[in-house]
Amino acid sequence: MLFQVIQVLTTVALVYYAYVTIREAKRNRRKSTIERMLMNLYSPLREILTRARDETTVERHRARIEKGPRDYALTEHELNRIHEIIERFGHYLDSTELLRLRKDLQKYDTIIPAYDPSKGPVTWYRFLDNDLDHHLEYMDKKCVQLANELRNLTSI
């Protein structure tokens, strides 16, 4: 009788230990996924788009206003970087958002403003607010949502 009680208690303890271990592994996996999403996708895209819209350097400002004003101005390197990020980490994006972002990134005009001959020409890709604003808002909301989820996962 005592032996059976010890067996039952041992079984319950092992089941509980397995449950806690599995739950913790799931939490750690989700935490790692969120960190990768923020570090590799949402934060870099948000930074590039914010800089394209808000940076006030002379070159970027000139690119925005030359040949008709545009709201976002990206260098070729920045636009290529966005495409690289989407290609590599786009699976973290909602499929609808991914399709719309790819489509909207094709709605640009290009200019090569006057340049310093020692630096060479820079091609700027210009976008309107209504083409990229909703993507930047999506990135902002997603960053906040993921940061809150990460905070909740690490506080438990």
Protein backbone atom coordinates (compact mmCIF):
# COMPACT_ATOMS: atom_id res chain seq x y z
CA MET A 1 0.00 0.00 0.00
CA LEU A 2 2.73 2.49 0.94
CA PHE A 3 4.65 1.52 -2.16
CA GLN A 4 1.62 2.31 -4.36
CA VAL A 5 1.19 5.72 -2.73
CA ILE A 6 4.86 6.50 -3.36
CA GLN A 7 4.47 5.40 -7.00
CA VAL A 8 1.42 7.65 -7.47
CA LEU A 9 3.18 10.63 -5.88
CA THR A 10 6.29 10.03 -8.00
CA THR A 11 4.16 9.81 -11.15
CA VAL A 12 2.33 13.03 -10.29
CA ALA A 13 5.64 14.79 -9.61
CA LEU A 14 7.09 13.58 -12.93
CA VAL A 15 3.99 14.65 -14.86
CA TYR A 16 4.08 18.07 -13.23
CA TYR A 17 7.81 18.41 -13.95
CA ALA A 18 7.21 17.47 -17.61
CA TYR A 19 4.35 19.98 -17.83
CA VAL A 20 6.45 22.80 -16.37
CA THR A 21 9.41 21.94 -18.60
CA ILE A 22 7.28 21.89 -21.76
CA ARG A 23 5.54 25.14 -20.82
CA GLU A 24 8.88 26.83 -20.16
CA ALA A 25 10.32 25.56 -23.45
CA LYS A 26 7.31 26.96 -25.34
CA ARG A 27 7.69 30.29 -23.55
CA ASN A 28 11.43 30.44 -24.35
CA ARG A 29 10.80 29.53 -27.99
CA ARG A 30 8.15 32.25 -28.31
CA LYS A 31 10.46 34.75 -26.59
CA SER A 32 13.25 33.92 -29.04
CA THR A 33 10.88 34.23 -31.99
CA ILE A 34 9.67 37.65 -30.84
CA GLU A 35 13.25 38.86 -30.34
CA ARG A 36 14.16 37.70 -33.87
CA MET A 37 11.06 39.36 -35.32
CA LEU A 38 11.90 42.66 -33.67
CA MET A 39 15.63 42.54 -34.38
CA ASN A 40 15.53 41.26 -37.95
CA LEU A 41 12.28 42.57 -39.42
CA TYR A 42 10.18 45.15 -37.63
CA SER A 43 12.85 47.38 -36.07
CA PRO A 44 15.05 47.70 -39.20
CA LEU A 45 12.06 48.35 -41.50
CA ARG A 46 10.64 50.87 -39.07
CA GLU A 47 14.00 52.63 -38.79
CA ILE A 48 14.51 52.84 -42.56
CA LEU A 49 10.97 54.06 -43.25
CA THR A 50 11.09 56.61 -40.44
CA ARG A 51 14.41 57.96 -41.69
CA ALA A 52 13.05 58.12 -45.25
CA ARG A 53 10.10 60.19 -44.07
CA ASP A 54 11.51 62.30 -41.23
CA GLU A 55 15.26 62.75 -41.71
CA THR A 56 16.12 66.37 -42.44
CA THR A 57 19.52 66.12 -44.13
CA VAL A 58 20.01 68.46 -47.06
CA GLU A 59 20.33 65.57 -49.53
CA ARG A 60 17.19 63.79 -48.40
CA HIS A 61 15.20 67.00 -48.21
CA ARG A 62 16.31 67.94 -51.72
CA ALA A 63 15.34 64.49 -52.96
CA ARG A 64 11.87 64.85 -51.45
CA ILE A 65 11.05 68.23 -53.00
CA GLU A 66 12.77 68.08 -56.40
CA LYS A 67 10.46 67.48 -59.40
CA GLY A 68 7.30 67.55 -57.33
CA PRO A 69 7.16 66.85 -53.62
CA ARG A 70 7.16 63.32 -52.26
CA ASP A 71 6.98 62.27 -48.63
CA TYR A 72 9.47 59.40 -48.48
CA ALA A 73 12.93 59.39 -50.05
CA LEU A 74 15.04 56.24 -49.99
CA THR A 75 18.52 55.73 -51.34
CA GLU A 76 19.10 52.75 -53.58
CA HIS A 77 20.94 51.04 -50.72
CA GLU A 78 17.98 51.58 -48.34
CA LEU A 79 15.45 50.28 -50.85
CA ASN A 80 17.63 47.23 -51.55
CA ARG A 81 17.98 46.67 -47.81
CA ILE A 82 14.18 46.72 -47.41
CA HIS A 83 13.85 44.13 -50.18
CA GLU A 84 16.55 41.97 -48.56
CA ILE A 85 14.82 42.13 -45.18
CA ILE A 86 11.46 41.23 -46.70
CA GLU A 87 12.96 38.39 -48.72
CA ARG A 88 14.72 36.89 -45.73
CA PHE A 89 12.27 37.60 -42.89
CA GLY A 90 8.98 38.34 -44.67
CA HIS A 91 7.52 35.09 -43.34
CA TYR A 92 7.09 36.89 -40.00
CA LEU A 93 4.74 39.42 -41.64
CA ASP A 94 1.04 38.87 -42.04
CA SER A 95 0.56 37.58 -45.60
CA THR A 96 -1.77 40.46 -46.55
CA GLU A 97 0.67 43.04 -45.19
CA LEU A 98 3.55 41.36 -47.01
CA LEU A 99 1.71 41.45 -50.36
CA ARG A 100 0.65 45.07 -49.90
CA LEU A 101 4.17 46.14 -48.88
CA ARG A 102 5.71 44.44 -51.91
CA LYS A 103 3.12 46.07 -54.16
CA ASP A 104 3.55 49.52 -52.61
CA LEU A 105 7.34 49.35 -52.85
CA GLN A 106 6.92 49.32 -56.62
CA LYS A 107 5.10 52.70 -56.62
CA TYR A 108 8.06 55.05 -56.76
CA ASP A 109 9.64 57.59 -58.97
CA THR A 110 13.38 58.11 -59.16
CA ILE A 111 15.51 61.21 -59.30
CA ILE A 112 19.21 61.93 -59.33
CA PRO A 113 19.59 65.39 -57.82
CA ALA A 114 22.56 67.65 -58.45
CA TYR A 115 25.56 66.14 -56.77
CA ASP A 116 29.08 66.74 -55.65
CA PRO A 117 31.34 65.30 -58.39
CA SER A 118 33.70 63.87 -55.78
CA LYS A 119 30.87 61.80 -54.29
CA GLY A 120 29.11 60.77 -57.49
CA PRO A 121 25.40 60.57 -58.22
CA VAL A 122 22.87 59.09 -55.79
CA THR A 123 19.61 57.67 -57.06
CA TRP A 124 16.68 58.43 -54.77
CA TYR A 125 13.45 56.42 -54.78
CA ARG A 126 10.51 58.57 -53.77
CA PHE A 127 7.13 57.49 -52.42
CA LEU A 128 3.93 59.24 -51.41
CA ASP A 129 2.55 59.22 -47.85
CA ASN A 130 -0.50 57.19 -48.76
CA ASP A 131 1.73 54.46 -50.23
CA LEU A 132 3.95 53.86 -47.19
CA ASP A 133 2.34 55.53 -44.15
CA HIS A 134 0.06 52.60 -43.35
CA HIS A 135 3.07 50.26 -43.46
CA LEU A 136 4.99 52.44 -41.03
CA GLU A 137 1.94 52.57 -38.74
CA TYR A 138 1.68 48.77 -38.96
CA MET A 139 5.38 48.44 -38.02
CA ASP A 140 4.90 50.83 -35.07
CA LYS A 141 1.88 48.93 -33.76
CA LYS A 142 3.53 45.57 -34.25
CA CYS A 143 6.69 46.71 -32.43
CA VAL A 144 4.62 47.87 -29.45
CA GLN A 145 2.53 44.68 -29.46
CA LEU A 146 5.60 42.43 -29.64
CA ALA A 147 7.47 44.44 -26.99
CA ASN A 148 4.48 44.07 -24.64
CA GLU A 149 4.26 40.35 -25.33
CA LEU A 150 7.98 39.99 -24.71
CA ARG A 151 7.68 41.95 -21.46
CA ASN A 152 4.85 39.63 -20.35
CA LEU A 153 6.85 36.52 -21.23
CA THR A 154 9.93 37.67 -19.35
CA SER A 155 8.03 38.85 -16.27
CA ILE A 156 6.37 35.51 -15.59
